[in-house]
C-alpha cells in the first residue's frame, strides 16, 4: 500500500473553501474513471483503507511536495473526514469505481 495515492483525492481540497462544497456524484465518478485506470483506483482505495486505520496520521505531510501555490486550509481531522467520505463514494456500487475497467482518456479526448 502506498499512502501517497491519497494525494489524488486530497489535491481537490486546494480548490475549495469549505468541505460542504464537495459533492460526490456520477460526474465525479466518470471524471475519475476517465483520469485513472482501475488499477490506480484500487490503489487509491487501498490507501483510503489505510487512512481509515490511521486517522491521526499527518495527512498534510503527504502533500508537502505537491505542486500547489498555497497550503491546505483544513485541519487534519477535516482531511481525515473528507477521505472517509471519498472512501464511501468509491464503495458506491452504482459508480463502479472499483470494478469498471476502461481505458483512461488522452488529453485530446477532452477537446
PDB file of N, CA and C in Angstrom:
ATOM      1  N   UNK A   1       0.845  -1.176   0.000  1.00  0.00           N
ATOM      2  CA  UNK A   1       0.000   0.000   0.000  1.00  0.00           C
ATOM      3  C   UNK A   1       0.896   1.246   0.000  1.00  0.00           C
ATOM      4  N   UNK A   2       0.544   2.169  -0.853  1.00  0.00           N
ATOM      5  CA  UNK A   2       1.289   3.417  -0.964  1.00  0.00           C
ATOM      6  C   UNK A   2       0.389   4.567  -0.533  1.00  0.00           C
ATOM      7  N   UNK A   3       0.640   5.107   0.653  1.00  0.00           N
ATOM      8  CA  UNK A   3      -0.212   6.173   1.186  1.00  0.00           C
ATOM      9  C   UNK A   3      -0.175   7.423   0.309  1.00  0.00           C
ATOM     10  N   UNK A   4       0.826   7.533  -0.545  1.00  0.00           N
ATOM     11  CA  UNK A   4       0.913   8.711  -1.401  1.00  0.00           C
ATOM     12  C   UNK A   4      -0.169   8.736  -2.483  1.00  0.00           C
ATOM     13  N   UNK A   5      -0.894   7.641  -2.659  1.00  0.00           N
ATOM     14  CA  UNK A   5      -2.069   7.666  -3.539  1.00  0.00           C
ATOM     15  C   UNK A   5      -3.164   8.557  -2.956  1.00  0.00           C
ATOM     16  N   UNK A   6      -3.048   8.906  -1.685  1.00  0.00           N
ATOM     17  CA  UNK A   6      -4.006   9.828  -1.068  1.00  0.00           C
ATOM     18  C   UNK A   6      -3.851  11.241  -1.628  1.00  0.00           C
ATOM     19  N   UNK A   7      -2.733  11.511  -2.273  1.00  0.00           N
ATOM     20  CA  UNK A   7      -2.539  12.828  -2.883  1.00  0.00           C
ATOM     21  C   UNK A   7      -3.645  13.124  -3.893  1.00  0.00           C
ATOM     22  N   UNK A   8      -4.122  12.098  -4.565  1.00  0.00           N
ATOM     23  CA  UNK A   8      -5.109  12.294  -5.624  1.00  0.00           C
ATOM     24  C   UNK A   8      -6.407  12.877  -5.057  1.00  0.00           C
ATOM     25  N   UNK A   9      -7.029  12.259  -4.058  1.00  0.00           N
ATOM     26  CA  UNK A   9      -8.236  12.904  -3.525  1.00  0.00           C
ATOM     27  C   UNK A   9      -7.931  14.176  -2.723  1.00  0.00           C
ATOM     28  N   UNK A  10      -6.825  14.210  -1.994  1.00  0.00           N
ATOM     29  CA  UNK A  10      -6.517  15.393  -1.178  1.00  0.00           C
ATOM     30  C   UNK A  10      -6.278  16.617  -2.055  1.00  0.00           C
ATOM     31  N   UNK A  11      -5.711  16.434  -3.214  1.00  0.00           N
ATOM     32  CA  UNK A  11      -5.405  17.549  -4.105  1.00  0.00           C
ATOM     33  C   UNK A  11      -6.627  18.419  -4.373  1.00  0.00           C
ATOM     34  N   UNK A  12      -7.787  17.807  -4.432  1.00  0.00           N
ATOM     35  CA  UNK A  12      -9.032  18.556  -4.696  1.00  0.00           C
ATOM     36  C   UNK A  12      -9.343  19.558  -3.597  1.00  0.00           C
ATOM     37  N   UNK A  13      -8.828  19.330  -2.402  1.00  0.00           N
ATOM     38  CA  UNK A  13      -9.106  20.237  -1.291  1.00  0.00           C
ATOM     39  C   UNK A  13      -8.466  21.610  -1.476  1.00  0.00           C
ATOM     40  N   UNK A  14      -7.505  21.711  -2.355  1.00  0.00           N
ATOM     41  CA  UNK A  14      -6.879  23.007  -2.618  1.00  0.00           C
ATOM     42  C   UNK A  14      -7.802  23.951  -3.387  1.00  0.00           C
ATOM     43  N   UNK A  15      -8.833  23.419  -4.005  1.00  0.00           N
ATOM     44  CA  UNK A  15      -9.698  24.248  -4.847  1.00  0.00           C
ATOM     45  C   UNK A  15     -11.023  24.616  -4.177  1.00  0.00           C
ATOM     46  N   UNK A  16     -11.179  24.305  -2.908  1.00  0.00           N
ATOM     47  CA  UNK A  16     -12.422  24.638  -2.214  1.00  0.00           C
ATOM     48  C   UNK A  16     -12.121  25.389  -0.916  1.00  0.00           C
ATOM     49  N   UNK A  17     -13.140  26.089  -0.426  1.00  0.00           N
ATOM     50  CA  UNK A  17     -13.025  26.824   0.828  1.00  0.00           C
ATOM     51  C   UNK A  17     -13.632  26.056   1.999  1.00  0.00           C
ATOM     52  N   UNK A  18     -14.717  25.326   1.726  1.00  0.00           N
ATOM     53  CA  UNK A  18     -15.461  24.603   2.763  1.00  0.00           C
ATOM     54  C   UNK A  18     -15.694  23.171   2.299  1.00  0.00           C
ATOM     55  N   UNK A  19     -15.663  22.239   3.222  1.00  0.00           N
ATOM     56  CA  UNK A  19     -15.906  20.833   2.862  1.00  0.00           C
ATOM     57  C   UNK A  19     -17.323  20.622   2.348  1.00  0.00           C
ATOM     58  N   UNK A  20     -18.241  21.509   2.722  1.00  0.00           N
ATOM     59  CA  UNK A  20     -19.623  21.412   2.241  1.00  0.00           C
ATOM     60  C   UNK A  20     -19.722  21.590   0.730  1.00  0.00           C
ATOM     61  N   UNK A  21     -18.692  22.143   0.126  1.00  0.00           N
ATOM     62  CA  UNK A  21     -18.689  22.354  -1.322  1.00  0.00           C
ATOM     63  C   UNK A  21     -18.488  21.051  -2.088  1.00  0.00           C
ATOM     64  N   UNK A  22     -17.999  20.042  -1.419  1.00  0.00           N
ATOM     65  CA  UNK A  22     -17.679  18.772  -2.076  1.00  0.00           C
ATOM     66  C   UNK A  22     -18.955  17.974  -2.329  1.00  0.00           C
ATOM     67  N   UNK A  23     -19.109  17.549  -3.570  1.00  0.00           N
ATOM     68  CA  UNK A  23     -20.193  16.634  -3.915  1.00  0.00           C
ATOM     69  C   UNK A  23     -19.585  15.456  -4.666  1.00  0.00           C
ATOM     70  N   UNK A  24     -19.992  14.289  -4.270  1.00  0.00           N
ATOM     71  CA  UNK A  24     -19.546  13.081  -4.953  1.00  0.00           C
ATOM     72  C   UNK A  24     -20.744  12.536  -5.718  1.00  0.00           C
ATOM     73  N   UNK A  25     -20.706  12.667  -7.028  1.00  0.00           N
ATOM     74  CA  UNK A  25     -21.815  12.227  -7.847  1.00  0.00           C
ATOM     75  C   UNK A  25     -21.292  11.501  -9.087  1.00  0.00           C
ATOM     76  N   UNK A  26     -22.196  11.189  -9.981  1.00  0.00           N
ATOM     77  CA  UNK A  26     -21.827  10.429 -11.181  1.00  0.00           C
ATOM     78  C   UNK A  26     -20.778  11.165 -12.022  1.00  0.00           C
ATOM     79  N   UNK A  27     -20.888  12.474 -12.124  1.00  0.00           N
ATOM     80  CA  UNK A  27     -19.921  13.206 -12.954  1.00  0.00           C
ATOM     81  C   UNK A  27     -18.508  13.111 -12.351  1.00  0.00           C
ATOM     82  N   UNK A  28     -18.401  13.134 -11.040  1.00  0.00           N
ATOM     83  CA  UNK A  28     -17.097  12.979 -10.397  1.00  0.00           C
ATOM     84  C   UNK A  28     -16.571  11.562 -10.627  1.00  0.00           C
ATOM     85  N   UNK A  29     -17.470  10.591 -10.556  1.00  0.00           N
ATOM     86  CA  UNK A  29     -17.072   9.203 -10.791  1.00  0.00           C
ATOM     87  C   UNK A  29     -16.577   9.025 -12.227  1.00  0.00           C
ATOM     88  N   UNK A  30     -17.293   9.584 -13.172  1.00  0.00           N
ATOM     89  CA  UNK A  30     -16.890   9.466 -14.579  1.00  0.00           C
ATOM     90  C   UNK A  30     -15.551  10.159 -14.822  1.00  0.00           C
ATOM     91  N   UNK A  31     -15.366  11.313 -14.206  1.00  0.00           N
ATOM     92  CA  UNK A  31     -14.094  12.024 -14.345  1.00  0.00           C
ATOM     93  C   UNK A  31     -12.946  11.172 -13.789  1.00  0.00           C
ATOM     94  N   UNK A  32     -13.164  10.580 -12.625  1.00  0.00           N
ATOM     95  CA  UNK A  32     -12.129   9.743 -12.017  1.00  0.00           C
ATOM     96  C   UNK A  32     -11.812   8.537 -12.904  1.00  0.00           C
ATOM     97  N   UNK A  33     -12.837   7.938 -13.496  1.00  0.00           N
ATOM     98  CA  UNK A  33     -12.597   6.796 -14.387  1.00  0.00           C
ATOM     99  C   UNK A  33     -11.916   7.229 -15.682  1.00  0.00           C
ATOM    100  N   UNK A  34     -12.200   8.468 -16.134  1.00  0.00           N
ATOM    101  CA  UNK A  34     -11.522   8.989 -17.323  1.00  0.00           C
ATOM    102  C   UNK A  34     -10.044   9.235 -17.054  1.00  0.00           C
ATOM    103  N   UNK A  35      -9.705   9.613 -15.827  1.00  0.00           N
ATOM    104  CA  UNK A  35      -8.346  10.027 -15.486  1.00  0.00           C
ATOM    105  C   UNK A  35      -7.466   8.911 -14.920  1.00  0.00           C
ATOM    106  N   UNK A  36      -8.087   7.919 -14.289  1.00  0.00           N
ATOM    107  CA  UNK A  36      -7.327   6.893 -13.568  1.00  0.00           C
ATOM    108  C   UNK A  36      -7.756   5.496 -13.984  1.00  0.00           C
ATOM    109  N   UNK A  37      -6.795   4.632 -14.155  1.00  0.00           N
ATOM    110  CA  UNK A  37      -7.087   3.245 -14.505  1.00  0.00           C
ATOM    111  C   UNK A  37      -7.726   2.541 -13.309  1.00  0.00           C
ATOM    112  N   UNK A  38      -8.331   1.399 -13.555  1.00  0.00           N
ATOM    113  CA  UNK A  38      -8.898   0.601 -12.476  1.00  0.00           C
ATOM    114  C   UNK A  38      -7.810   0.240 -11.471  1.00  0.00           C
ATOM    115  N   UNK A  39      -6.641  -0.093 -11.961  1.00  0.00           N
ATOM    116  CA  UNK A  39      -5.520  -0.435 -11.079  1.00  0.00           C
ATOM    117  C   UNK A  39      -5.192   0.740 -10.143  1.00  0.00           C
ATOM    118  N   UNK A  40      -5.124   1.940 -10.689  1.00  0.00           N
ATOM    119  CA  UNK A  40      -4.848   3.118  -9.860  1.00  0.00           C
ATOM    120  C   UNK A  40      -5.988   3.407  -8.884  1.00  0.00           C
ATOM    121  N   UNK A  41      -7.216   3.249  -9.340  1.00  0.00           N
ATOM    122  CA  UNK A  41      -8.359   3.491  -8.444  1.00  0.00           C
ATOM    123  C   UNK A  41      -8.345   2.507  -7.276  1.00  0.00           C
ATOM    124  N   UNK A  42      -7.938   1.273  -7.540  1.00  0.00           N
ATOM    125  CA  UNK A  42      -7.838   0.297  -6.451  1.00  0.00           C
ATOM    126  C   UNK A  42      -6.704   0.665  -5.494  1.00  0.00           C
ATOM    127  N   UNK A  43      -5.641   1.247  -6.013  1.00  0.00           N
ATOM    128  CA  UNK A  43      -4.544   1.695  -5.151  1.00  0.00           C
ATOM    129  C   UNK A  43      -4.998   2.888  -4.297  1.00  0.00           C
ATOM    130  N   UNK A  44      -5.777   3.783  -4.880  1.00  0.00           N
ATOM    131  CA  UNK A  44      -6.336   4.895  -4.111  1.00  0.00           C
ATOM    132  C   UNK A  44      -7.202   4.334  -2.987  1.00  0.00           C
ATOM    133  N   UNK A  45      -8.044   3.374  -3.322  1.00  0.00           N
ATOM    134  CA  UNK A  45      -8.933   2.784  -2.316  1.00  0.00           C
ATOM    135  C   UNK A  45      -8.134   2.091  -1.213  1.00  0.00           C
ATOM    136  N   UNK A  46      -7.088   1.394  -1.579  1.00  0.00           N
ATOM    137  CA  UNK A  46      -6.238   0.743  -0.586  1.00  0.00           C
ATOM    138  C   UNK A  46      -5.633   1.786   0.360  1.00  0.00           C
ATOM    139  N   UNK A  47      -5.201   2.911  -0.187  1.00  0.00           N
ATOM    140  CA  UNK A  47      -4.658   3.986   0.642  1.00  0.00           C
ATOM    141  C   UNK A  47      -5.744   4.559   1.553  1.00  0.00           C
ATOM    142  N   UNK A  48      -6.965   4.635   1.057  1.00  0.00           N
ATOM    143  CA  UNK A  48      -8.085   5.111   1.884  1.00  0.00           C
ATOM    144  C   UNK A  48      -8.378   4.142   3.025  1.00  0.00           C
ATOM    145  N   UNK A  49      -8.265   2.854   2.753  1.00  0.00           N
ATOM    146  CA  UNK A  49      -8.438   1.873   3.831  1.00  0.00           C
ATOM    147  C   UNK A  49      -7.359   2.067   4.891  1.00  0.00           C
ATOM    148  N   UNK A  50      -6.133   2.335   4.459  1.00  0.00           N
ATOM    149  CA  UNK A  50      -5.055   2.609   5.400  1.00  0.00           C
ATOM    150  C   UNK A  50      -5.371   3.876   6.211  1.00  0.00           C
ATOM    151  N   UNK A  51      -5.882   4.906   5.537  1.00  0.00           N
ATOM    152  CA  UNK A  51      -6.212   6.158   6.216  1.00  0.00           C
ATOM    153  C   UNK A  51      -7.293   5.940   7.274  1.00  0.00           C
ATOM    154  N   UNK A  52      -8.219   5.043   6.998  1.00  0.00           N
ATOM    155  CA  UNK A  52      -9.268   4.742   7.982  1.00  0.00           C
ATOM    156  C   UNK A  52      -8.649   4.173   9.256  1.00  0.00           C
ATOM    157  N   UNK A  53      -7.630   3.364   9.098  1.00  0.00           N
ATOM    158  CA  UNK A  53      -6.964   2.744  10.250  1.00  0.00           C
ATOM    159  C   UNK A  53      -5.973   3.697  10.927  1.00  0.00           C
ATOM    160  N   UNK A  54      -5.654   4.796  10.263  1.00  0.00           N
ATOM    161  CA  UNK A  54      -4.654   5.743  10.775  1.00  0.00           C
ATOM    162  C   UNK A  54      -5.178   7.186  10.710  1.00  0.00           C
ATOM    163  N   UNK A  55      -6.307   7.469  11.344  1.00  0.00           N
ATOM    164  CA  UNK A  55      -6.917   8.803  11.214  1.00  0.00           C
ATOM    165  C   UNK A  55      -6.082   9.934  11.811  1.00  0.00           C
ATOM    166  N   UNK A  56      -5.133   9.628  12.667  1.00  0.00           N
ATOM    167  CA  UNK A  56      -4.306  10.666  13.276  1.00  0.00           C
ATOM    168  C   UNK A  56      -3.006  10.926  12.518  1.00  0.00           C
ATOM    169  N   UNK A  57      -2.814  10.244  11.411  1.00  0.00           N
ATOM    170  CA  UNK A  57      -1.641  10.489  10.585  1.00  0.00           C
ATOM    171  C   UNK A  57      -1.682  11.939  10.084  1.00  0.00           C
ATOM    172  N   UNK A  58      -0.542  12.554   9.901  1.00  0.00           N
ATOM    173  CA  UNK A  58      -0.473  13.929   9.404  1.00  0.00           C
ATOM    174  C   UNK A  58      -0.656  13.915   7.882  1.00  0.00           C
ATOM    175  N   UNK A  59      -1.913  14.015   7.436  1.00  0.00           N
ATOM    176  CA  UNK A  59      -2.219  13.927   6.010  1.00  0.00           C
ATOM    177  C   UNK A  59      -1.644  15.103   5.220  1.00  0.00           C
ATOM    178  N   UNK A  60      -1.455  16.242   5.859  1.00  0.00           N
ATOM    179  CA  UNK A  60      -0.845  17.379   5.167  1.00  0.00           C
ATOM    180  C   UNK A  60       0.592  17.051   4.748  1.00  0.00           C
ATOM    181  N   UNK A  61       1.246  16.186   5.504  1.00  0.00           N
ATOM    182  CA  UNK A  61       2.617  15.804   5.184  1.00  0.00           C
ATOM    183  C   UNK A  61       2.701  15.122   3.824  1.00  0.00           C
ATOM    184  N   UNK A  62       1.661  14.408   3.448  1.00  0.00           N
ATOM    185  CA  UNK A  62       1.629  13.741   2.140  1.00  0.00           C
ATOM    186  C   UNK A  62       1.744  14.775   1.016  1.00  0.00           C
ATOM    187  N   UNK A  63       1.219  15.970   1.275  1.00  0.00           N
ATOM    188  CA  UNK A  63       1.167  16.992   0.239  1.00  0.00           C
ATOM    189  C   UNK A  63       2.356  17.955   0.263  1.00  0.00           C
ATOM    190  N   UNK A  64       3.347  17.702   1.088  1.00  0.00           N
ATOM    191  CA  UNK A  64       4.439  18.665   1.255  1.00  0.00           C
ATOM    192  C   UNK A  64       5.184  18.952  -0.044  1.00  0.00           C
ATOM    193  N   UNK A  65       5.212  18.021  -0.979  1.00  0.00           N
ATOM    194  CA  UNK A  65       5.906  18.230  -2.243  1.00  0.00           C
ATOM    195  C   UNK A  65       4.949  18.435  -3.421  1.00  0.00           C
ATOM    196  N   UNK A  66       3.679  18.647  -3.101  1.00  0.00           N
ATOM    197  CA  UNK A  66       2.681  18.840  -4.163  1.00  0.00           C
ATOM    198  C   UNK A  66       2.910  20.190  -4.854  1.00  0.00           C
ATOM    199  N   UNK A  67       2.694  20.232  -6.156  1.00  0.00           N
ATOM    200  CA  UNK A  67       2.910  21.481  -6.898  1.00  0.00           C
ATOM    201  C   UNK A  67       1.723  22.442  -6.756  1.00  0.00           C
ATOM    202  N   UNK A  68       1.571  23.012  -5.571  1.00  0.00           N
ATOM    203  CA  UNK A  68       0.475  23.964  -5.315  1.00  0.00           C
ATOM    204  C   UNK A  68       1.067  25.254  -4.753  1.00  0.00           C
ATOM    205  N   UNK A  69       0.326  26.337  -4.916  1.00  0.00           N
ATOM    206  CA  UNK A  69       0.848  27.644  -4.525  1.00  0.00           C
ATOM    207  C   UNK A  69       0.490  28.050  -3.097  1.00  0.00           C
ATOM    208  N   UNK A  70      -0.340  27.268  -2.424  1.00  0.00           N
ATOM    209  CA  UNK A  70      -0.729  27.613  -1.059  1.00  0.00           C
ATOM    210  C   UNK A  70      -0.910  26.348  -0.224  1.00  0.00           C
ATOM    211  N   UNK A  71      -1.034  26.537   1.078  1.00  0.00           N
ATOM    212  CA  UNK A  71      -1.180  25.392   1.976  1.00  0.00           C
ATOM    213  C   UNK A  71      -2.643  25.019   2.138  1.00  0.00           C
ATOM    214  N   UNK A  72      -2.862  23.799   2.542  1.00  0.00           N
ATOM    215  CA  UNK A  72      -4.223  23.353   2.828  1.00  0.00           C
ATOM    216  C   UNK A  72      -4.778  24.127   4.009  1.00  0.00           C
ATOM    217  N   UNK A  73      -6.023  24.541   3.896  1.00  0.00           N
ATOM    218  CA  UNK A  73      -6.644  25.310   4.970  1.00  0.00           C
ATOM    219  C   UNK A  73      -7.472  24.443   5.911  1.00  0.00           C
ATOM    220  N   UNK A  74      -7.421  23.143   5.711  1.00  0.00           N
ATOM    221  CA  UNK A  74      -8.229  22.231   6.520  1.00  0.00           C
ATOM    222  C   UNK A  74      -7.381  21.561   7.587  1.00  0.00           C
ATOM    223  N   UNK A  75      -8.017  21.265   8.708  1.00  0.00           N
ATOM    224  CA  UNK A  75      -7.323  20.557   9.785  1.00  0.00           C
ATOM    225  C   UNK A  75      -7.123  19.100   9.397  1.00  0.00           C
ATOM    226  N   UNK A  76      -6.249  18.433  10.099  1.00  0.00           N
ATOM    227  CA  UNK A  76      -6.019  17.013   9.838  1.00  0.00           C
ATOM    228  C   UNK A  76      -7.308  16.211  10.028  1.00  0.00           C
ATOM    229  N   UNK A  77      -8.079  16.567  11.047  1.00  0.00           N
ATOM    230  CA  UNK A  77      -9.350  15.882  11.293  1.00  0.00           C
ATOM    231  C   UNK A  77     -10.317  16.073  10.120  1.00  0.00           C
ATOM    232  N   UNK A  78     -10.364  17.285   9.580  1.00  0.00           N
ATOM    233  CA  UNK A  78     -11.241  17.549   8.430  1.00  0.00           C
ATOM    234  C   UNK A  78     -10.777  16.768   7.206  1.00  0.00           C
ATOM    235  N   UNK A  79      -9.471  16.699   7.010  1.00  0.00           N
ATOM    236  CA  UNK A  79      -8.938  15.931   5.876  1.00  0.00           C
ATOM    237  C   UNK A  79      -9.287  14.456   6.046  1.00  0.00           C
ATOM    238  N   UNK A  80      -9.146  13.942   7.245  1.00  0.00           N
ATOM    239  CA  UNK A  80      -9.493  12.543   7.511  1.00  0.00           C
ATOM    240  C   UNK A  80     -10.974  12.288   7.235  1.00  0.00           C
ATOM    241  N   UNK A  81     -11.838  13.191   7.685  1.00  0.00           N
ATOM    242  CA  UNK A  81     -13.279  13.051   7.429  1.00  0.00           C
ATOM    243  C   UNK A  81     -13.571  13.064   5.927  1.00  0.00           C
ATOM    244  N   UNK A  82     -12.918  13.969   5.216  1.00  0.00           N
ATOM    245  CA  UNK A  82     -13.081  14.048   3.771  1.00  0.00           C
ATOM    246  C   UNK A  82     -12.644  12.745   3.103  1.00  0.00           C
ATOM    247  N   UNK A  83     -11.502  12.215   3.532  1.00  0.00           N
ATOM    248  CA  UNK A  83     -11.018  10.960   2.950  1.00  0.00           C
ATOM    249  C   UNK A  83     -11.994   9.816   3.196  1.00  0.00           C
ATOM    250  N   UNK A  84     -12.633   9.794   4.353  1.00  0.00           N
ATOM    251  CA  UNK A  84     -13.604   8.734   4.631  1.00  0.00           C
ATOM    252  C   UNK A  84     -14.856   8.919   3.776  1.00  0.00           C
ATOM    253  N   UNK A  85     -15.224  10.156   3.484  1.00  0.00           N
ATOM    254  CA  UNK A  85     -16.335  10.402   2.549  1.00  0.00           C
ATOM    255  C   UNK A  85     -15.952   9.943   1.153  1.00  0.00           C
ATOM    256  N   UNK A  86     -14.708  10.191   0.768  1.00  0.00           N
ATOM    257  CA  UNK A  86     -14.225   9.746  -0.537  1.00  0.00           C
ATOM    258  C   UNK A  86     -14.216   8.224  -0.611  1.00  0.00           C
ATOM    259  N   UNK A  87     -13.842   7.582   0.477  1.00  0.00           N
ATOM    260  CA  UNK A  87     -13.839   6.116   0.541  1.00  0.00           C
ATOM    261  C   UNK A  87     -15.252   5.579   0.339  1.00  0.00           C
ATOM    262  N   UNK A  88     -16.220   6.164   1.027  1.00  0.00           N
ATOM    263  CA  UNK A  88     -17.620   5.764   0.888  1.00  0.00           C
ATOM    264  C   UNK A  88     -18.087   5.958  -0.555  1.00  0.00           C
ATOM    265  N   UNK A  89     -17.705   7.073  -1.145  1.00  0.00           N
ATOM    266  CA  UNK A  89     -18.022   7.354  -2.547  1.00  0.00           C
ATOM    267  C   UNK A  89     -17.463   6.254  -3.450  1.00  0.00           C
ATOM    268  N   UNK A  90     -16.217   5.862  -3.232  1.00  0.00           N
ATOM    269  CA  UNK A  90     -15.616   4.820  -4.062  1.00  0.00           C
ATOM    270  C   UNK A  90     -16.300   3.475  -3.875  1.00  0.00           C
ATOM    271  N   UNK A  91     -16.868   3.231  -2.715  1.00  0.00           N
ATOM    272  CA  UNK A  91     -17.539   1.961  -2.416  1.00  0.00           C
ATOM    273  C   UNK A  91     -18.939   1.872  -3.020  1.00  0.00           C
ATOM    274  N   UNK A  92     -19.486   2.995  -3.457  1.00  0.00           N
ATOM    275  CA  UNK A  92     -20.831   3.011  -4.023  1.00  0.00           C
ATOM    276  C   UNK A  92     -20.841   2.196  -5.325  1.00  0.00           C
ATOM    277  N   UNK A  93     -21.516   1.076  -5.306  1.00  0.00           N
ATOM    278  CA  UNK A  93     -21.522   0.160  -6.454  1.00  0.00           C
ATOM    279  C   UNK A  93     -22.126   0.784  -7.711  1.00  0.00           C
ATOM    280  N   UNK A  94     -22.997   1.775  -7.553  1.00  0.00           N
ATOM    281  CA  UNK A  94     -23.599   2.437  -8.708  1.00  0.00           C
ATOM    282  C   UNK A  94     -22.559   3.147  -9.574  1.00  0.00           C
ATOM    283  N   UNK A  95     -21.478   3.598  -8.963  1.00  0.00           N
ATOM    284  CA  UNK A  95     -20.454   4.334  -9.700  1.00  0.00           C
ATOM    285  C   UNK A  95     -19.395   3.435 -10.325  1.00  0.00           C
ATOM    286  N   UNK A  96     -19.303   2.193  -9.902  1.00  0.00           N
ATOM    287  CA  UNK A  96     -18.389   1.193 -10.474  1.00  0.00           C
ATOM    288  C   UNK A  96     -16.923   1.640 -10.482  1.00  0.00           C
ATOM    289  N   UNK A  97     -16.532   2.402  -9.459  1.00  0.00           N
ATOM    290  CA  UNK A  97     -15.151   2.879  -9.401  1.00  0.00           C
ATOM    291  C   UNK A  97     -14.147   1.775  -9.109  1.00  0.00           C
ATOM    292  N   UNK A  98     -14.606   0.710  -8.480  1.00  0.00           N
ATOM    293  CA  UNK A  98     -13.698  -0.386  -8.127  1.00  0.00           C
ATOM    294  C   UNK A  98     -13.886  -1.618  -9.005  1.00  0.00           C
ATOM    295  N   UNK A  99     -14.731  -1.490 -10.038  1.00  0.00           N
ATOM    296  CA  UNK A  99     -14.978  -2.641 -10.890  1.00  0.00           C
ATOM    297  C   UNK A  99     -14.864  -2.350 -12.389  1.00  0.00           C
ATOM    298  N   UNK A 100     -15.239  -1.166 -12.819  1.00  0.00           N
ATOM    299  CA  UNK A 100     -15.262  -0.884 -14.253  1.00  0.00           C
ATOM    300  C   UNK A 100     -13.858  -0.633 -14.778  1.00  0.00           C
ATOM    301  N   UNK A 101     -13.473  -1.432 -15.750  1.00  0.00           N
ATOM    302  CA  UNK A 101     -12.157  -1.295 -16.360  1.00  0.00           C
ATOM    303  C   UNK A 101     -12.351  -0.767 -17.774  1.00  0.00           C
ATOM    304  N   UNK A 102     -11.853   0.413 -18.001  1.00  0.00           N
ATOM    305  CA  UNK A 102     -11.919   1.014 -19.331  1.00  0.00           C
ATOM    306  C   UNK A 102     -10.669   1.844 -19.514  1.00  0.00           C
ATOM    307  N   UNK A 103     -10.304   2.100 -20.743  1.00  0.00           N
ATOM    308  CA  UNK A 103      -9.087   2.893 -20.971  1.00  0.00           C
ATOM    309  C   UNK A 103      -9.266   4.314 -20.435  1.00  0.00           C
ATOM    310  N   UNK A 104      -8.185   4.863 -19.859  1.00  0.00           N
ATOM    311  CA  UNK A 104      -8.255   6.261 -19.457  1.00  0.00           C
ATOM    312  C   UNK A 104      -8.195   7.109 -20.707  1.00  0.00           C
ATOM    313  N   UNK A 105      -8.704   8.316 -20.626  1.00  0.00           N
ATOM    314  CA  UNK A 105      -8.753   9.181 -21.793  1.00  0.00           C
ATOM    315  C   UNK A 105      -7.462   9.971 -21.938  1.00  0.00           C
ATOM    316  N   UNK A 106      -7.142  10.242 -23.173  1.00  0.00           N
ATOM    317  CA  UNK A 106      -5.999  11.081 -23.516  1.00  0.00           C
ATOM    318  C   UNK A 106      -6.455  12.540 -23.495  1.00  0.00           C
ATOM    319  N   UNK A 107      -5.535  13.484 -23.303  1.00  0.00           N
ATOM    320  CA  UNK A 107      -5.932  14.893 -23.300  1.00  0.00           C
ATOM    321  C   UNK A 107      -6.737  15.292 -24.539  1.00  0.00           C
ATOM    322  N   UNK A 108      -6.390  14.753 -25.699  1.00  0.00           N
ATOM    323  CA  UNK A 108      -7.107  15.100 -26.927  1.00  0.00           C
ATOM    324  C   UNK A 108      -8.565  14.661 -26.889  1.00  0.00           C
ATOM    325  N   UNK A 109      -8.879  13.667 -26.067  1.00  0.00           N
ATOM    326  CA  UNK A 109     -10.263  13.187 -25.960  1.00  0.00           C
ATOM    327  C   UNK A 109     -11.185  14.204 -25.301  1.00  0.00           C
ATOM    328  N   UNK A 110     -10.608  15.165 -24.596  1.00  0.00           N
ATOM    329  CA  UNK A 110     -11.403  16.172 -23.896  1.00  0.00           C
ATOM    330  C   UNK A 110     -11.646  17.417 -24.714  1.00  0.00           C
ATOM    331  N   UNK A 111     -11.049  17.477 -25.904  1.00  0.00           N
ATOM    332  CA  UNK A 111     -11.200  18.673 -26.768  1.00  0.00           C
ATOM    333  C   UNK A 111     -12.425  18.579 -27.639  1.00  0.00           C
TER     334      UNK A 111
END
